[in-house]
Amino acid sequence: MKLSPDLRNATVKVSVLGETDEREAAIDGLEHAKGFIRRELGLRLSNLRFAPDLRFQLDEGVSYSVRVSQLLREAQQEEHNARS
């Protein structure tokens, strides 16, 4: 999560595994629940004057790592098959 200097805005990076439509659906769900999440933050972060406005963003880092791992496994399998 990245907060603005005045603590009024927060960008929340979310990792979601799955196909593109599934990842977009997860972000849509979070956008739909934004008011509830913000209200809960406000209740729990009583030391803040305002609950930050939330912006959800897909974090592609996990998907990238999964893809690299998959490619490495495939390369190892191909190498193993070539030796056999």
N, C-alpha and C. Protein backbone atom coordinates (compact mmCIF):
# COMPACT_ATOMS: atom_id res chain seq x y z
N MET A 1 0.85 -1.16 0.00
CA MET A 1 0.00 0.00 0.00
C MET A 1 0.90 1.23 0.00
N LYS A 2 0.50 2.21 -0.77
CA LYS A 2 1.24 3.47 -0.84
C LYS A 2 0.29 4.59 -0.44
N LEU A 3 0.68 5.36 0.57
CA LEU A 3 -0.13 6.47 1.05
C LEU A 3 0.41 7.79 0.54
N SER A 4 -0.49 8.72 0.26
CA SER A 4 -0.06 10.06 -0.11
C SER A 4 0.48 10.74 1.16
N PRO A 5 1.30 11.78 0.98
CA PRO A 5 1.87 12.45 2.16
C PRO A 5 0.83 12.98 3.16
N ASP A 6 -0.33 13.38 2.67
CA ASP A 6 -1.36 13.89 3.57
C ASP A 6 -2.27 12.78 4.13
N LEU A 7 -1.99 11.53 3.77
CA LEU A 7 -2.70 10.33 4.24
C LEU A 7 -4.16 10.27 3.79
N ARG A 8 -4.53 11.05 2.80
CA ARG A 8 -5.91 11.06 2.33
C ARG A 8 -6.17 10.07 1.20
N ASN A 9 -5.11 9.62 0.52
CA ASN A 9 -5.24 8.69 -0.60
C ASN A 9 -4.31 7.51 -0.41
N ALA A 10 -4.80 6.33 -0.74
CA ALA A 10 -3.99 5.13 -0.64
C ALA A 10 -4.16 4.30 -1.91
N THR A 11 -3.04 3.87 -2.45
CA THR A 11 -3.06 2.95 -3.58
C THR A 11 -2.72 1.58 -3.01
N VAL A 12 -3.63 0.65 -3.20
CA VAL A 12 -3.48 -0.70 -2.66
C VAL A 12 -3.20 -1.64 -3.81
N LYS A 13 -2.02 -2.25 -3.81
CA LYS A 13 -1.68 -3.21 -4.86
C LYS A 13 -2.16 -4.58 -4.42
N VAL A 14 -2.85 -5.26 -5.34
CA VAL A 14 -3.49 -6.53 -5.04
C VAL A 14 -2.95 -7.60 -5.98
N SER A 15 -2.51 -8.71 -5.42
CA SER A 15 -2.06 -9.85 -6.23
C SER A 15 -3.21 -10.83 -6.36
N VAL A 16 -3.54 -11.16 -7.60
CA VAL A 16 -4.62 -12.10 -7.86
C VAL A 16 -4.13 -13.08 -8.92
N LEU A 17 -4.20 -14.36 -8.60
CA LEU A 17 -3.84 -15.38 -9.57
C LEU A 17 -5.07 -15.75 -10.38
N GLY A 18 -4.87 -16.08 -11.63
CA GLY A 18 -5.98 -16.48 -12.47
C GLY A 18 -5.90 -15.80 -13.82
N GLU A 19 -6.93 -16.00 -14.60
CA GLU A 19 -7.00 -15.40 -15.93
C GLU A 19 -7.31 -13.91 -15.82
N THR A 20 -7.15 -13.21 -16.92
CA THR A 20 -7.35 -11.76 -16.95
C THR A 20 -8.74 -11.37 -16.45
N ASP A 21 -9.77 -12.09 -16.90
CA ASP A 21 -11.13 -11.74 -16.48
C ASP A 21 -11.33 -11.99 -14.99
N GLU A 22 -10.68 -13.00 -14.44
CA GLU A 22 -10.79 -13.28 -13.01
C GLU A 22 -10.09 -12.19 -12.19
N ARG A 23 -8.93 -11.73 -12.67
CA ARG A 23 -8.22 -10.66 -11.97
C ARG A 23 -9.03 -9.37 -12.01
N GLU A 24 -9.61 -9.07 -13.17
CA GLU A 24 -10.43 -7.86 -13.29
C GLU A 24 -11.67 -7.96 -12.41
N ALA A 25 -12.24 -9.15 -12.30
CA ALA A 25 -13.41 -9.35 -11.44
C ALA A 25 -13.05 -9.11 -9.97
N ALA A 26 -11.85 -9.51 -9.57
CA ALA A 26 -11.42 -9.29 -8.19
C ALA A 26 -11.29 -7.80 -7.90
N ILE A 27 -10.70 -7.06 -8.84
CA ILE A 27 -10.57 -5.61 -8.67
C ILE A 27 -11.95 -4.95 -8.65
N ASP A 28 -12.84 -5.41 -9.53
CA ASP A 28 -14.21 -4.87 -9.54
C ASP A 28 -14.90 -5.12 -8.21
N GLY A 29 -14.69 -6.30 -7.64
CA GLY A 29 -15.28 -6.62 -6.34
C GLY A 29 -14.75 -5.71 -5.25
N LEU A 30 -13.45 -5.45 -5.27
CA LEU A 30 -12.88 -4.54 -4.28
C LEU A 30 -13.39 -3.12 -4.48
N GLU A 31 -13.52 -2.70 -5.73
CA GLU A 31 -14.08 -1.37 -6.01
C GLU A 31 -15.51 -1.27 -5.48
N HIS A 32 -16.26 -2.34 -5.65
CA HIS A 32 -17.65 -2.37 -5.18
C HIS A 32 -17.70 -2.27 -3.64
N ALA A 33 -16.72 -2.88 -2.98
CA ALA A 33 -16.70 -2.90 -1.51
C ALA A 33 -15.89 -1.74 -0.92
N LYS A 34 -15.46 -0.81 -1.77
CA LYS A 34 -14.58 0.27 -1.32
C LYS A 34 -15.16 1.06 -0.15
N GLY A 35 -16.43 1.38 -0.21
CA GLY A 35 -17.06 2.14 0.88
C GLY A 35 -17.02 1.40 2.20
N PHE A 36 -17.34 0.11 2.15
CA PHE A 36 -17.31 -0.71 3.36
C PHE A 36 -15.89 -0.79 3.92
N ILE A 37 -14.91 -1.05 3.04
CA ILE A 37 -13.52 -1.18 3.47
C ILE A 37 -13.03 0.13 4.07
N ARG A 38 -13.37 1.23 3.44
CA ARG A 38 -12.95 2.55 3.93
C ARG A 38 -13.58 2.84 5.30
N ARG A 39 -14.84 2.49 5.46
CA ARG A 39 -15.52 2.70 6.74
C ARG A 39 -14.86 1.87 7.84
N GLU A 40 -14.53 0.62 7.53
CA GLU A 40 -13.86 -0.25 8.51
C GLU A 40 -12.48 0.30 8.86
N LEU A 41 -11.76 0.80 7.88
CA LEU A 41 -10.46 1.42 8.16
C LEU A 41 -10.63 2.61 9.09
N GLY A 42 -11.63 3.41 8.82
CA GLY A 42 -11.89 4.58 9.67
C GLY A 42 -12.17 4.20 11.11
N LEU A 43 -12.89 3.12 11.30
CA LEU A 43 -13.20 2.66 12.66
C LEU A 43 -11.95 2.13 13.37
N ARG A 44 -11.10 1.46 12.62
CA ARG A 44 -9.92 0.82 13.22
C ARG A 44 -8.72 1.77 13.35
N LEU A 45 -8.63 2.75 12.48
CA LEU A 45 -7.52 3.70 12.52
C LEU A 45 -8.00 5.00 13.15
N SER A 46 -8.31 4.92 14.43
CA SER A 46 -8.91 6.06 15.12
C SER A 46 -7.94 7.23 15.29
N ASN A 47 -6.64 6.99 15.09
CA ASN A 47 -5.68 8.07 15.22
C ASN A 47 -5.63 8.96 13.97
N LEU A 48 -6.28 8.51 12.88
CA LEU A 48 -6.33 9.33 11.67
C LEU A 48 -7.59 10.18 11.66
N ARG A 49 -7.47 11.37 11.16
CA ARG A 49 -8.63 12.25 11.09
C ARG A 49 -9.60 11.80 10.01
N PHE A 50 -9.05 11.31 8.88
CA PHE A 50 -9.85 10.84 7.76
C PHE A 50 -9.39 9.45 7.36
N ALA A 51 -10.32 8.63 6.94
CA ALA A 51 -9.95 7.35 6.34
C ALA A 51 -9.50 7.65 4.91
N PRO A 52 -8.41 7.05 4.46
CA PRO A 52 -7.93 7.37 3.12
C PRO A 52 -8.88 6.88 2.03
N ASP A 53 -8.91 7.62 0.93
CA ASP A 53 -9.64 7.19 -0.25
C ASP A 53 -8.80 6.08 -0.89
N LEU A 54 -9.43 4.98 -1.23
CA LEU A 54 -8.71 3.80 -1.71
C LEU A 54 -8.75 3.69 -3.23
N ARG A 55 -7.62 3.30 -3.78
CA ARG A 55 -7.51 3.01 -5.20
C ARG A 55 -6.84 1.65 -5.31
N PHE A 56 -7.52 0.71 -5.95
CA PHE A 56 -7.00 -0.65 -6.07
C PHE A 56 -6.31 -0.82 -7.41
N GLN A 57 -5.17 -1.51 -7.37
CA GLN A 57 -4.35 -1.69 -8.56
C GLN A 57 -3.82 -3.12 -8.57
N LEU A 58 -3.87 -3.76 -9.73
CA LEU A 58 -3.33 -5.12 -9.83
C LEU A 58 -1.82 -5.09 -9.71
N ASP A 59 -1.29 -5.99 -8.90
CA ASP A 59 0.15 -6.16 -8.77
C ASP A 59 0.52 -7.36 -9.64
N GLU A 60 1.20 -7.09 -10.71
CA GLU A 60 1.54 -8.14 -11.67
C GLU A 60 2.77 -8.95 -11.23
N GLY A 61 3.41 -8.58 -10.13
CA GLY A 61 4.63 -9.25 -9.68
C GLY A 61 4.45 -10.74 -9.43
N VAL A 62 3.38 -11.12 -8.77
CA VAL A 62 3.15 -12.53 -8.47
C VAL A 62 2.86 -13.30 -9.76
N SER A 63 2.05 -12.74 -10.63
CA SER A 63 1.76 -13.40 -11.90
C SER A 63 3.03 -13.59 -12.72
N TYR A 64 3.88 -12.57 -12.71
CA TYR A 64 5.15 -12.65 -13.43
C TYR A 64 6.02 -13.76 -12.85
N SER A 65 6.09 -13.85 -11.53
CA SER A 65 6.90 -14.88 -10.88
C SER A 65 6.37 -16.27 -11.20
N VAL A 66 5.06 -16.43 -11.19
CA VAL A 66 4.46 -17.73 -11.52
C VAL A 66 4.78 -18.10 -12.95
N ARG A 67 4.71 -17.16 -13.86
CA ARG A 67 5.01 -17.42 -15.27
C ARG A 67 6.48 -17.80 -15.47
N VAL A 68 7.40 -17.11 -14.80
CA VAL A 68 8.82 -17.44 -14.90
C VAL A 68 9.07 -18.85 -14.36
N SER A 69 8.45 -19.19 -13.24
CA SER A 69 8.60 -20.54 -12.68
C SER A 69 8.09 -21.59 -13.65
N GLN A 70 6.96 -21.31 -14.28
CA GLN A 70 6.39 -22.24 -15.25
C GLN A 70 7.34 -22.43 -16.43
N LEU A 71 7.91 -21.36 -16.94
CA LEU A 71 8.84 -21.45 -18.06
C LEU A 71 10.10 -22.23 -17.68
N LEU A 72 10.60 -22.03 -16.47
CA LEU A 72 11.77 -22.77 -16.01
C LEU A 72 11.47 -24.26 -15.90
N ARG A 73 10.30 -24.61 -15.37
CA ARG A 73 9.92 -26.03 -15.29
C ARG A 73 9.82 -26.65 -16.68
N GLU A 74 9.23 -25.90 -17.61
CA GLU A 74 9.11 -26.41 -18.98
C GLU A 74 10.49 -26.61 -19.61
N ALA A 75 11.41 -25.68 -19.38
CA ALA A 75 12.76 -25.79 -19.92
C ALA A 75 13.48 -26.99 -19.32
N GLN A 76 13.31 -27.21 -18.01
CA GLN A 76 13.93 -28.37 -17.36
C GLN A 76 13.35 -29.66 -17.92
N GLN A 77 12.05 -29.69 -18.15
CA GLN A 77 11.40 -30.89 -18.68
C GLN A 77 11.91 -31.19 -20.09
N GLU A 78 12.03 -30.13 -20.91
CA GLU A 78 12.53 -30.32 -22.26
C GLU A 78 13.97 -30.83 -22.25
N GLU A 79 14.78 -30.29 -21.34
CA GLU A 79 16.17 -30.74 -21.22
C GLU A 79 16.23 -32.19 -20.78
N HIS A 80 15.37 -32.54 -19.84
CA HIS A 80 15.31 -33.93 -19.36
C HIS A 80 14.89 -34.87 -20.49
N ASN A 81 13.89 -34.46 -21.27
CA ASN A 81 13.42 -35.29 -22.40
C ASN A 81 14.49 -35.42 -23.47
N ALA A 82 15.26 -34.37 -23.70
CA ALA A 82 16.32 -34.41 -24.72
C ALA A 82 17.44 -35.36 -24.32
N ARG A 83 17.69 -35.50 -23.03
CA ARG A 83 18.75 -36.41 -22.55
C ARG A 83 18.29 -37.86 -22.60
N SER A 84 17.01 -38.10 -22.55
CA SER A 84 16.50 -39.48 -22.49
C SER A 84 16.48 -40.14 -23.84
